[in-house]
């Protein structure tokens, strides 16, 4: 029977622990102070004990607890948030919008509670928005709004003619791994 070299075992353990450390550090939540931080994936306050976004109360501040000390930052002074499950969000008018696409066109989604017809309860509904750049106002993602925003892009206008509904813009194109609106916009740039 062959003996296992203890040095090889030691190096293997060190190598594996360094990979494990990378995975856990990448999954930390934190704050993007600027759009440039988001683009370059520079997260501030990743080592914080707790980050409270006040997303249910639509508060004006984010509360960060670091080493037992509390710090408040105004949402208007923060670009966005990176969650521990690797999702990115942008603050817009004190609300949090998930960034779904950001390669050519910024696409966001948000959930809102809407009442059912006849007042018989409510449901959580998904709404999509877009912006031309990462720091511009959010616009509801509709065919009509895209036509207005990109009136000079005739190829995009033709591609939008193939879309049957606003909902279809948010369909996921699996082989391209992006939303249909991003796929069409990218195709219009070719």
C-alpha atoms as a PDB file:
ATOM      1  CA  UNK A   1       0.000   0.000   0.000  1.00  0.00           C
ATOM      2  CA  UNK A   2       1.309   3.447  -0.952  1.00  0.00           C
ATOM      3  CA  UNK A   3       1.857   6.118   1.671  1.00  0.00           C
ATOM      4  CA  UNK A   4       0.316   9.540   1.134  1.00  0.00           C
ATOM      5  CA  UNK A   5       2.852  12.314   1.276  1.00  0.00           C
ATOM      6  CA  UNK A   6       1.903  14.671   4.175  1.00  0.00           C
ATOM      7  CA  UNK A   7       3.217  17.705   2.259  1.00  0.00           C
ATOM      8  CA  UNK A   8       0.845  16.987  -0.631  1.00  0.00           C
ATOM      9  CA  UNK A   9      -2.059  16.651   1.820  1.00  0.00           C
ATOM     10  CA  UNK A  10      -1.088  19.918   3.520  1.00  0.00           C
ATOM     11  CA  UNK A  11      -0.882  21.796   0.183  1.00  0.00           C
ATOM     12  CA  UNK A  12      -4.227  20.337  -0.902  1.00  0.00           C
ATOM     13  CA  UNK A  13      -5.899  21.564   2.325  1.00  0.00           C
ATOM     14  CA  UNK A  14      -4.432  25.060   1.902  1.00  0.00           C
ATOM     15  CA  UNK A  15      -5.538  25.182  -1.731  1.00  0.00           C
ATOM     16  CA  UNK A  16      -9.085  24.069  -0.915  1.00  0.00           C
ATOM     17  CA  UNK A  17      -9.430  26.515   1.976  1.00  0.00           C
ATOM     18  CA  UNK A  18      -8.336  29.407  -0.257  1.00  0.00           C
ATOM     19  CA  UNK A  19     -11.099  28.516  -2.753  1.00  0.00           C
ATOM     20  CA  UNK A  20     -13.630  28.268   0.066  1.00  0.00           C
ATOM     21  CA  UNK A  21     -12.603  31.714   1.276  1.00  0.00           C
ATOM     22  CA  UNK A  22     -13.180  33.190  -2.168  1.00  0.00           C
ATOM     23  CA  UNK A  23     -16.694  31.824  -2.393  1.00  0.00           C
ATOM     24  CA  UNK A  24     -17.731  33.158   0.981  1.00  0.00           C
ATOM     25  CA  UNK A  25     -16.252  36.624   0.388  1.00  0.00           C
ATOM     26  CA  UNK A  26     -18.016  36.968  -2.973  1.00  0.00           C
ATOM     27  CA  UNK A  27     -21.394  36.313  -1.392  1.00  0.00           C
ATOM     28  CA  UNK A  28     -21.236  39.169   1.132  1.00  0.00           C
ATOM     29  CA  UNK A  29     -23.743  41.947   0.864  1.00  0.00           C
ATOM     30  CA  UNK A  30     -22.682  45.567   0.623  1.00  0.00           C
ATOM     31  CA  UNK A  31     -23.369  48.997  -0.787  1.00  0.00           C
ATOM     32  CA  UNK A  32     -22.510  50.541  -4.154  1.00  0.00           C
ATOM     33  CA  UNK A  33     -21.845  54.192  -3.387  1.00  0.00           C
ATOM     34  CA  UNK A  34     -21.755  55.247  -7.064  1.00  0.00           C
ATOM     35  CA  UNK A  35     -22.754  53.921 -10.473  1.00  0.00           C
ATOM     36  CA  UNK A  36     -19.046  53.501 -11.208  1.00  0.00           C
ATOM     37  CA  UNK A  37     -18.754  51.274  -8.114  1.00  0.00           C
ATOM     38  CA  UNK A  38     -21.565  49.112  -9.500  1.00  0.00           C
ATOM     39  CA  UNK A  39     -19.959  48.874 -12.951  1.00  0.00           C
ATOM     40  CA  UNK A  40     -16.598  47.910 -11.421  1.00  0.00           C
ATOM     41  CA  UNK A  41     -18.250  45.780  -8.711  1.00  0.00           C
ATOM     42  CA  UNK A  42     -16.614  47.716  -5.853  1.00  0.00           C
ATOM     43  CA  UNK A  43     -18.662  46.992  -2.765  1.00  0.00           C
ATOM     44  CA  UNK A  44     -18.444  49.221   0.304  1.00  0.00           C
ATOM     45  CA  UNK A  45     -19.313  48.000   3.823  1.00  0.00           C
ATOM     46  CA  UNK A  46     -19.038  44.319   2.784  1.00  0.00           C
ATOM     47  CA  UNK A  47     -17.697  43.518   6.248  1.00  0.00           C
ATOM     48  CA  UNK A  48     -20.651  45.101   8.054  1.00  0.00           C
ATOM     49  CA  UNK A  49     -22.395  43.112  10.774  1.00  0.00           C
ATOM     50  CA  UNK A  50     -25.773  44.150   9.398  1.00  0.00           C
ATOM     51  CA  UNK A  51     -27.188  46.364   6.641  1.00  0.00           C
ATOM     52  CA  UNK A  52     -30.802  47.496   7.055  1.00  0.00           C
ATOM     53  CA  UNK A  53     -32.290  48.901   3.860  1.00  0.00           C
ATOM     54  CA  UNK A  54     -35.667  50.027   5.280  1.00  0.00           C
ATOM     55  CA  UNK A  55     -37.258  48.784   2.064  1.00  0.00           C
ATOM     56  CA  UNK A  56     -40.650  48.039   3.588  1.00  0.00           C
ATOM     57  CA  UNK A  57     -41.028  51.467   5.173  1.00  0.00           C
ATOM     58  CA  UNK A  58     -39.476  53.305   2.208  1.00  0.00           C
ATOM     59  CA  UNK A  59     -37.293  55.162   4.698  1.00  0.00           C
ATOM     60  CA  UNK A  60     -34.790  57.751   3.564  1.00  0.00           C
ATOM     61  CA  UNK A  61     -31.737  56.034   5.092  1.00  0.00           C
ATOM     62  CA  UNK A  62     -29.798  52.806   5.089  1.00  0.00           C
ATOM     63  CA  UNK A  63     -28.565  51.747   8.517  1.00  0.00           C
ATOM     64  CA  UNK A  64     -25.218  49.952   8.668  1.00  0.00           C
ATOM     65  CA  UNK A  65     -23.888  48.300  11.815  1.00  0.00           C
ATOM     66  CA  UNK A  66     -20.111  47.813  11.889  1.00  0.00           C
ATOM     67  CA  UNK A  67     -18.373  46.445  14.985  1.00  0.00           C
ATOM     68  CA  UNK A  68     -21.444  47.272  17.060  1.00  0.00           C
ATOM     69  CA  UNK A  69     -21.567  50.907  15.923  1.00  0.00           C
ATOM     70  CA  UNK A  70     -24.471  52.217  13.872  1.00  0.00           C
ATOM     71  CA  UNK A  71     -24.080  54.466  10.830  1.00  0.00           C
ATOM     72  CA  UNK A  72     -26.834  55.971   8.657  1.00  0.00           C
ATOM     73  CA  UNK A  73     -26.389  56.868   4.998  1.00  0.00           C
ATOM     74  CA  UNK A  74     -29.073  58.666   2.982  1.00  0.00           C
ATOM     75  CA  UNK A  75     -30.424  56.512   0.150  1.00  0.00           C
ATOM     76  CA  UNK A  76     -30.101  59.491  -2.174  1.00  0.00           C
ATOM     77  CA  UNK A  77     -26.321  59.323  -1.605  1.00  0.00           C
ATOM     78  CA  UNK A  78     -26.093  55.616  -2.500  1.00  0.00           C
ATOM     79  CA  UNK A  79     -26.312  54.075  -5.951  1.00  0.00           C
ATOM     80  CA  UNK A  80     -27.304  50.554  -4.970  1.00  0.00           C
ATOM     81  CA  UNK A  81     -26.969  47.377  -2.981  1.00  0.00           C
ATOM     82  CA  UNK A  82     -25.372  43.953  -3.543  1.00  0.00           C
ATOM     83  CA  UNK A  83     -27.201  41.141  -1.752  1.00  0.00           C
ATOM     84  CA  UNK A  84     -25.622  38.042  -0.247  1.00  0.00           C
ATOM     85  CA  UNK A  85     -27.359  35.946  -2.922  1.00  0.00           C
ATOM     86  CA  UNK A  86     -25.450  37.858  -5.661  1.00  0.00           C
ATOM     87  CA  UNK A  87     -28.269  40.113  -6.849  1.00  0.00           C
ATOM     88  CA  UNK A  88     -27.663  43.788  -7.546  1.00  0.00           C
ATOM     89  CA  UNK A  89     -30.138  46.566  -6.855  1.00  0.00           C
ATOM     90  CA  UNK A  90     -30.379  50.291  -7.533  1.00  0.00           C
ATOM     91  CA  UNK A  91     -32.008  52.897  -5.309  1.00  0.00           C
ATOM     92  CA  UNK A  92     -34.386  55.171  -7.206  1.00  0.00           C
ATOM     93  CA  UNK A  93     -36.617  57.615  -5.318  1.00  0.00           C
ATOM     94  CA  UNK A  94     -35.867  55.690  -2.095  1.00  0.00           C
ATOM     95  CA  UNK A  95     -37.147  52.420  -3.597  1.00  0.00           C
ATOM     96  CA  UNK A  96     -35.030  49.380  -4.393  1.00  0.00           C
ATOM     97  CA  UNK A  97     -35.092  48.019  -7.968  1.00  0.00           C
ATOM     98  CA  UNK A  98     -33.324  44.807  -8.928  1.00  0.00           C
ATOM     99  CA  UNK A  99     -30.904  45.271 -11.830  1.00  0.00           C
ATOM    100  CA  UNK A 100     -31.775  42.499 -14.294  1.00  0.00           C
ATOM    101  CA  UNK A 101     -29.681  43.637 -17.298  1.00  0.00           C
ATOM    102  CA  UNK A 102     -26.931  46.202 -17.651  1.00  0.00           C
ATOM    103  CA  UNK A 103     -24.881  45.273 -20.698  1.00  0.00           C
ATOM    104  CA  UNK A 104     -26.370  47.585 -23.366  1.00  0.00           C
ATOM    105  CA  UNK A 105     -29.596  48.691 -21.707  1.00  0.00           C
ATOM    106  CA  UNK A 106     -30.315  48.910 -17.980  1.00  0.00           C
ATOM    107  CA  UNK A 107     -33.397  46.826 -17.113  1.00  0.00           C
ATOM    108  CA  UNK A 108     -34.852  46.677 -13.598  1.00  0.00           C
ATOM    109  CA  UNK A 109     -37.661  44.883 -11.850  1.00  0.00           C
ATOM    110  CA  UNK A 110     -39.651  45.721  -8.777  1.00  0.00           C
ATOM    111  CA  UNK A 111     -42.589  44.138  -7.005  1.00  0.00           C
ATOM    112  CA  UNK A 112     -45.703  45.964  -5.900  1.00  0.00           C
ATOM    113  CA  UNK A 113     -48.893  44.828  -4.255  1.00  0.00           C
ATOM    114  CA  UNK A 114     -51.955  45.439  -6.391  1.00  0.00           C
ATOM    115  CA  UNK A 115     -55.624  44.987  -5.498  1.00  0.00           C
ATOM    116  CA  UNK A 116     -57.708  42.358  -7.220  1.00  0.00           C
ATOM    117  CA  UNK A 117     -60.842  43.418  -9.055  1.00  0.00           C
ATOM    118  CA  UNK A 118     -63.836  43.811  -6.780  1.00  0.00           C
ATOM    119  CA  UNK A 119     -61.625  44.427  -3.745  1.00  0.00           C
ATOM    120  CA  UNK A 120     -61.207  40.700  -3.014  1.00  0.00           C
ATOM    121  CA  UNK A 121     -57.629  40.739  -1.814  1.00  0.00           C
ATOM    122  CA  UNK A 122     -54.318  41.691  -3.355  1.00  0.00           C
ATOM    123  CA  UNK A 123     -51.427  40.075  -5.189  1.00  0.00           C
ATOM    124  CA  UNK A 124     -47.727  40.760  -5.498  1.00  0.00           C
ATOM    125  CA  UNK A 125     -47.011  41.800  -9.086  1.00  0.00           C
ATOM    126  CA  UNK A 126     -43.728  42.164 -10.958  1.00  0.00           C
ATOM    127  CA  UNK A 127     -43.064  45.413 -12.843  1.00  0.00           C
ATOM    128  CA  UNK A 128     -40.189  46.094 -15.248  1.00  0.00           C
ATOM    129  CA  UNK A 129     -38.430  49.379 -16.004  1.00  0.00           C
ATOM    130  CA  UNK A 130     -35.448  50.522 -18.027  1.00  0.00           C
ATOM    131  CA  UNK A 131     -33.036  53.413 -18.209  1.00  0.00           C
ATOM    132  CA  UNK A 132     -30.736  54.486 -20.992  1.00  0.00           C
ATOM    133  CA  UNK A 133     -27.808  54.747 -18.583  1.00  0.00           C
ATOM    134  CA  UNK A 134     -27.310  53.446 -15.066  1.00  0.00           C
ATOM    135  CA  UNK A 135     -27.989  56.765 -13.350  1.00  0.00           C
ATOM    136  CA  UNK A 136     -30.917  58.049 -15.435  1.00  0.00           C
ATOM    137  CA  UNK A 137     -34.611  58.015 -14.462  1.00  0.00           C
ATOM    138  CA  UNK A 138     -36.476  54.717 -14.668  1.00  0.00           C
ATOM    139  CA  UNK A 139     -39.088  54.370 -17.407  1.00  0.00           C
ATOM    140  CA  UNK A 140     -41.791  51.655 -17.451  1.00  0.00           C
ATOM    141  CA  UNK A 141     -40.689  48.923 -19.882  1.00  0.00           C
ATOM    142  CA  UNK A 142     -43.266  49.068 -22.669  1.00  0.00           C
ATOM    143  CA  UNK A 143     -43.041  48.849 -26.440  1.00  0.00           C
ATOM    144  CA  UNK A 144     -44.436  52.379 -26.689  1.00  0.00           C
ATOM    145  CA  UNK A 145     -41.824  53.848 -24.321  1.00  0.00           C
ATOM    146  CA  UNK A 146     -38.987  52.030 -26.109  1.00  0.00           C
ATOM    147  CA  UNK A 147     -40.201  53.413 -29.445  1.00  0.00           C
ATOM    148  CA  UNK A 148     -40.063  56.954 -27.990  1.00  0.00           C
ATOM    149  CA  UNK A 149     -36.646  56.490 -26.365  1.00  0.00           C
ATOM    150  CA  UNK A 150     -35.071  54.969 -29.477  1.00  0.00           C
ATOM    151  CA  UNK A 151     -36.918  56.765 -32.266  1.00  0.00           C
ATOM    152  CA  UNK A 152     -33.633  57.238 -34.177  1.00  0.00           C
ATOM    153  CA  UNK A 153     -32.768  53.515 -34.130  1.00  0.00           C
ATOM    154  CA  UNK A 154     -34.726  52.223 -37.136  1.00  0.00           C
ATOM    155  CA  UNK A 155     -33.406  48.677 -36.815  1.00  0.00           C
ATOM    156  CA  UNK A 156     -34.634  48.516 -33.203  1.00  0.00           C
ATOM    157  CA  UNK A 157     -38.009  49.897 -34.318  1.00  0.00           C
ATOM    158  CA  UNK A 158     -38.287  47.055 -36.876  1.00  0.00           C
ATOM    159  CA  UNK A 159     -37.321  44.459 -34.268  1.00  0.00           C
ATOM    160  CA  UNK A 160     -39.944  45.854 -31.878  1.00  0.00           C
ATOM    161  CA  UNK A 161     -42.542  45.193 -34.618  1.00  0.00           C
ATOM    162  CA  UNK A 162     -41.983  41.462 -33.980  1.00  0.00           C
ATOM    163  CA  UNK A 163     -42.932  41.788 -30.288  1.00  0.00           C
ATOM    164  CA  UNK A 164     -46.608  41.048 -29.618  1.00  0.00           C
ATOM    165  CA  UNK A 165     -46.934  42.410 -26.058  1.00  0.00           C
ATOM    166  CA  UNK A 166     -45.118  44.375 -23.366  1.00  0.00           C
ATOM    167  CA  UNK A 167     -44.769  41.152 -21.347  1.00  0.00           C
ATOM    168  CA  UNK A 168     -42.867  39.516 -24.207  1.00  0.00           C
ATOM    169  CA  UNK A 169     -40.078  42.084 -23.713  1.00  0.00           C
ATOM    170  CA  UNK A 170     -39.255  40.364 -20.411  1.00  0.00           C
ATOM    171  CA  UNK A 171     -39.132  36.808 -21.775  1.00  0.00           C
ATOM    172  CA  UNK A 172     -35.785  35.164 -21.203  1.00  0.00           C
ATOM    173  CA  UNK A 173     -33.837  34.170 -24.334  1.00  0.00           C
ATOM    174  CA  UNK A 174     -32.108  31.067 -22.990  1.00  0.00           C
ATOM    175  CA  UNK A 175     -29.411  30.604 -25.626  1.00  0.00           C
ATOM    176  CA  UNK A 176     -28.411  34.271 -25.296  1.00  0.00           C
ATOM    177  CA  UNK A 177     -28.871  34.274 -21.495  1.00  0.00           C
ATOM    178  CA  UNK A 178     -30.632  37.628 -21.434  1.00  0.00           C
ATOM    179  CA  UNK A 179     -34.053  39.225 -21.606  1.00  0.00           C
ATOM    180  CA  UNK A 180     -35.636  39.589 -25.030  1.00  0.00           C
ATOM    181  CA  UNK A 181     -35.513  43.404 -24.872  1.00  0.00           C
ATOM    182  CA  UNK A 182     -31.748  43.306 -24.263  1.00  0.00           C
ATOM    183  CA  UNK A 183     -31.310  40.740 -27.027  1.00  0.00           C
ATOM    184  CA  UNK A 184     -33.265  42.877 -29.525  1.00  0.00           C
ATOM    185  CA  UNK A 185     -31.472  46.067 -28.534  1.00  0.00           C
ATOM    186  CA  UNK A 186     -28.081  44.357 -28.844  1.00  0.00           C
ATOM    187  CA  UNK A 187     -29.080  42.960 -32.247  1.00  0.00           C
ATOM    188  CA  UNK A 188     -30.050  46.452 -33.416  1.00  0.00           C
ATOM    189  CA  UNK A 189     -26.507  47.641 -32.611  1.00  0.00           C
ATOM    190  CA  UNK A 190     -24.870  45.095 -34.953  1.00  0.00           C
END
